[in-house]
Structure formats: structure tokens, C-alpha cells
C-alpha atoms as a PDB file:
ATOM      1  CA  MET A   1    -147.623 -23.168  50.519  1.00  0.00           C
ATOM      2  CA  THR A   2    -148.604 -20.144  52.168  1.00  0.00           C
ATOM      3  CA  SER A   3    -145.963 -18.003  54.276  1.00  0.00           C
ATOM      4  CA  LYS A   4    -145.689 -15.067  56.210  1.00  0.00           C
ATOM      5  CA  MET A   5    -143.870 -12.308  54.988  1.00  0.00           C
ATOM      6  CA  ILE A   6    -141.858 -10.919  57.229  1.00  0.00           C
ATOM      7  CA  GLN A   7    -139.052  -7.943  57.459  1.00  0.00           C
ATOM      8  CA  LYS A   8    -135.228  -9.181  57.854  1.00  0.00           C
ATOM      9  CA  GLU A   9    -135.149  -7.859  61.361  1.00  0.00           C
ATOM     10  CA  GLU A  10    -137.754  -9.807  62.184  1.00  0.00           C
ATOM     11  CA  ILE A  11    -135.768 -13.476  61.712  1.00  0.00           C
ATOM     12  CA  GLU A  12    -134.559 -13.149  65.034  1.00  0.00           C
ATOM     13  CA  ASN A  13    -137.393 -13.398  66.808  1.00  0.00           C
ATOM     14  CA  TYR A  14    -138.310 -16.732  65.263  1.00  0.00           C
ATOM     15  CA  LEU A  15    -136.592 -20.271  66.162  1.00  0.00           C
ATOM     16  CA  ILE A  16    -135.349 -21.418  62.316  1.00  0.00           C
ATOM     17  CA  VAL A  17    -136.069 -25.032  62.171  1.00  0.00           C
ATOM     18  CA  PRO A  18    -134.785 -27.422  59.462  1.00  0.00           C
ATOM     19  CA  ALA A  19    -137.328 -28.178  56.262  1.00  0.00           C
ATOM     20  CA  ALA A  20    -139.159 -30.939  55.514  1.00  0.00           C
ATOM     21  CA  GLU A  21    -136.571 -31.364  52.659  1.00  0.00           C
ATOM     22  CA  ASP A  22    -132.773 -30.282  52.456  1.00  0.00           C
ATOM     23  CA  LYS A  23    -132.651 -29.061  49.087  1.00  0.00           C
ATOM     24  CA  SER A  24    -129.536 -26.814  49.824  1.00  0.00           C
ATOM     25  CA  ALA A  25    -127.644 -29.020  47.033  1.00  0.00           C
ATOM     26  CA  SER A  26    -130.370 -27.949  44.457  1.00  0.00           C
ATOM     27  CA  LEU A  27    -130.436 -24.720  45.288  1.00  0.00           C
ATOM     28  CA  CYS A  28    -126.714 -23.804  44.596  1.00  0.00           C
ATOM     29  CA  LYS A  29    -126.850 -21.779  41.266  1.00  0.00           C
ATOM     30  CA  GLU A  30    -129.510 -19.626  42.757  1.00  0.00           C
ATOM     31  CA  LEU A  31    -127.525 -19.296  45.862  1.00  0.00           C
ATOM     32  CA  GLU A  32    -124.573 -18.355  43.669  1.00  0.00           C
ATOM     33  CA  TYR A  33    -126.526 -15.751  41.822  1.00  0.00           C
ATOM     34  CA  ALA A  34    -128.468 -14.271  45.048  1.00  0.00           C
ATOM     35  CA  VAL A  35    -124.859 -13.423  46.020  1.00  0.00           C
ATOM     36  CA  ARG A  36    -123.890 -11.427  42.805  1.00  0.00           C
ATOM     37  CA  LEU A  37    -127.401  -9.826  42.659  1.00  0.00           C
ATOM     38  CA  GLY A  38    -126.776  -8.995  46.017  1.00  0.00           C
ATOM     39  CA  ASN A  39    -123.366  -7.934  45.880  1.00  0.00           C
ATOM     40  CA  GLU A  40    -122.834  -6.162  42.344  1.00  0.00           C
ATOM     41  CA  TYR A  41    -126.681  -4.674  41.688  1.00  0.00           C
ATOM     42  CA  LYS A  42    -127.693  -4.154  45.256  1.00  0.00           C
ATOM     43  CA  GLY A  43    -130.514  -6.401  44.378  1.00  0.00           C
ATOM     44  CA  LYS A  44    -132.773  -8.626  46.693  1.00  0.00           C
ATOM     45  CA  THR A  45    -133.961 -12.010  47.007  1.00  0.00           C
ATOM     46  CA  ILE A  46    -137.138 -13.485  48.029  1.00  0.00           C
ATOM     47  CA  ILE A  47    -136.197 -16.188  50.130  1.00  0.00           C
ATOM     48  CA  THR A  48    -138.531 -18.656  51.965  1.00  0.00           C
ATOM     49  CA  PHE A  49    -137.838 -20.731  54.846  1.00  0.00           C
ATOM     50  CA  GLN A  50    -138.953 -23.217  57.594  1.00  0.00           C
ATOM     51  CA  SER A  51    -139.246 -21.528  61.096  1.00  0.00           C
ATOM     52  CA  SER A  52    -141.185 -23.431  64.008  1.00  0.00           C
ATOM     53  CA  GLU A  53    -143.985 -21.205  63.630  1.00  0.00           C
ATOM     54  CA  GLY A  54    -144.099 -22.510  59.724  1.00  0.00           C
ATOM     55  CA  PRO A  55    -143.049 -21.225  56.538  1.00  0.00           C
ATOM     56  CA  LEU A  56    -141.554 -17.690  56.720  1.00  0.00           C
ATOM     57  CA  THR A  57    -140.765 -15.166  53.611  1.00  0.00           C
ATOM     58  CA  VAL A  58    -138.278 -12.752  53.528  1.00  0.00           C
ATOM     59  CA  GLU A  59    -137.161 -10.015  50.421  1.00  0.00           C
ATOM     60  CA  THR A  60    -133.250  -9.257  51.075  1.00  0.00           C
ATOM     61  CA  THR A  61    -130.054  -8.897  50.031  1.00  0.00           C
ATOM     62  CA  VAL A  62    -127.985 -12.317  50.115  1.00  0.00           C
ATOM     63  CA  TRP A  63    -124.088 -11.282  50.997  1.00  0.00           C
ATOM     64  CA  SER A  64    -122.547 -14.978  51.070  1.00  0.00           C
ATOM     65  CA  VAL A  65    -123.199 -18.456  51.142  1.00  0.00           C
ATOM     66  CA  THR A  66    -120.641 -20.691  53.184  1.00  0.00           C
ATOM     67  CA  GLU A  67    -121.148 -24.429  53.522  1.00  0.00           C
ATOM     68  CA  ARG A  68    -123.858 -24.392  55.541  1.00  0.00           C
ATOM     69  CA  ASN A  69    -125.493 -20.707  55.558  1.00  0.00           C
ATOM     70  CA  ILE A  70    -126.166 -17.728  53.411  1.00  0.00           C
ATOM     71  CA  GLN A  71    -125.134 -14.430  55.634  1.00  0.00           C
ATOM     72  CA  LEU A  72    -127.761 -11.667  54.746  1.00  0.00           C
ATOM     73  CA  LYS A  73    -127.212  -7.296  54.762  1.00  0.00           C
ATOM     74  CA  GLY A  74    -127.126  -6.669  58.822  1.00  0.00           C
ATOM     75  CA  GLY A  75    -125.011 -10.343  59.678  1.00  0.00           C
ATOM     76  CA  ILE A  76    -128.508 -12.352  59.788  1.00  0.00           C
ATOM     77  CA  ILE A  77    -127.655 -15.986  59.365  1.00  0.00           C
ATOM     78  CA  ILE A  78    -130.364 -18.709  57.687  1.00  0.00           C
ATOM     79  CA  PRO A  79    -129.138 -22.433  57.535  1.00  0.00           C
ATOM     80  CA  LEU A  80    -129.255 -23.999  53.995  1.00  0.00           C
ATOM     81  CA  SER A  81    -131.260 -26.750  55.390  1.00  0.00           C
ATOM     82  CA  SER A  82    -133.638 -24.472  56.492  1.00  0.00           C
ATOM     83  CA  ILE A  83    -134.504 -22.715  52.676  1.00  0.00           C
ATOM     84  CA  ILE A  84    -137.331 -24.190  50.916  1.00  0.00           C
ATOM     85  CA  MET A  85    -137.681 -21.365  47.882  1.00  0.00           C
ATOM     86  CA  ILE A  86    -135.547 -18.551  46.601  1.00  0.00           C
ATOM     87  CA  SER A  87    -136.965 -16.853  43.844  1.00  0.00           C
ATOM     88  CA  PHE A  88    -135.829 -13.297  42.064  1.00  0.00           C
END
């Protein structure tokens, strides 16, 4: 899978759509770690998500996770259903 690397501030320029496979349930532990990494250690997480233009990747700080979304630094929201992959 090839994805385009973008800056966090560019996310609002794209239409985020659900990924072909909803992996939100299987990403639970990674999401919890991403929040801890961001809040306690100011560490960044690499997130690949689906947009209408194809997969996009961003390296950013995850501030919180809700039942349906992740919130990034700056108040940017990405739906869990659009996340393809998380890495550190």
C-alpha cells in the first residue's frame, strides 16, 4: 500500500472516508498506547487513514480516543473507521 505523507495541518483539506475494512476494534491497544505516548512523553504516532483521494499518512501527537474518533493536537478529528494502520 502506498500512501501520501501530509502534515497534520493539511488533514482538513481532505475528505476522510471509511476504510475498506474497519479495524477500530483491533487497533484498541495501539490507540491506547498512542494516547499515552502523546500525553506522557510528547511522542508522535504515524497514522495512515483513508481519504477520498486514497490513503494518507500523518506523523502527529494523539491527544485522545473516543468511541468513534481520535483527536490530534490542534483539535483535528479522524474517525476510527477510516484508520488503516498505526505505527510508532
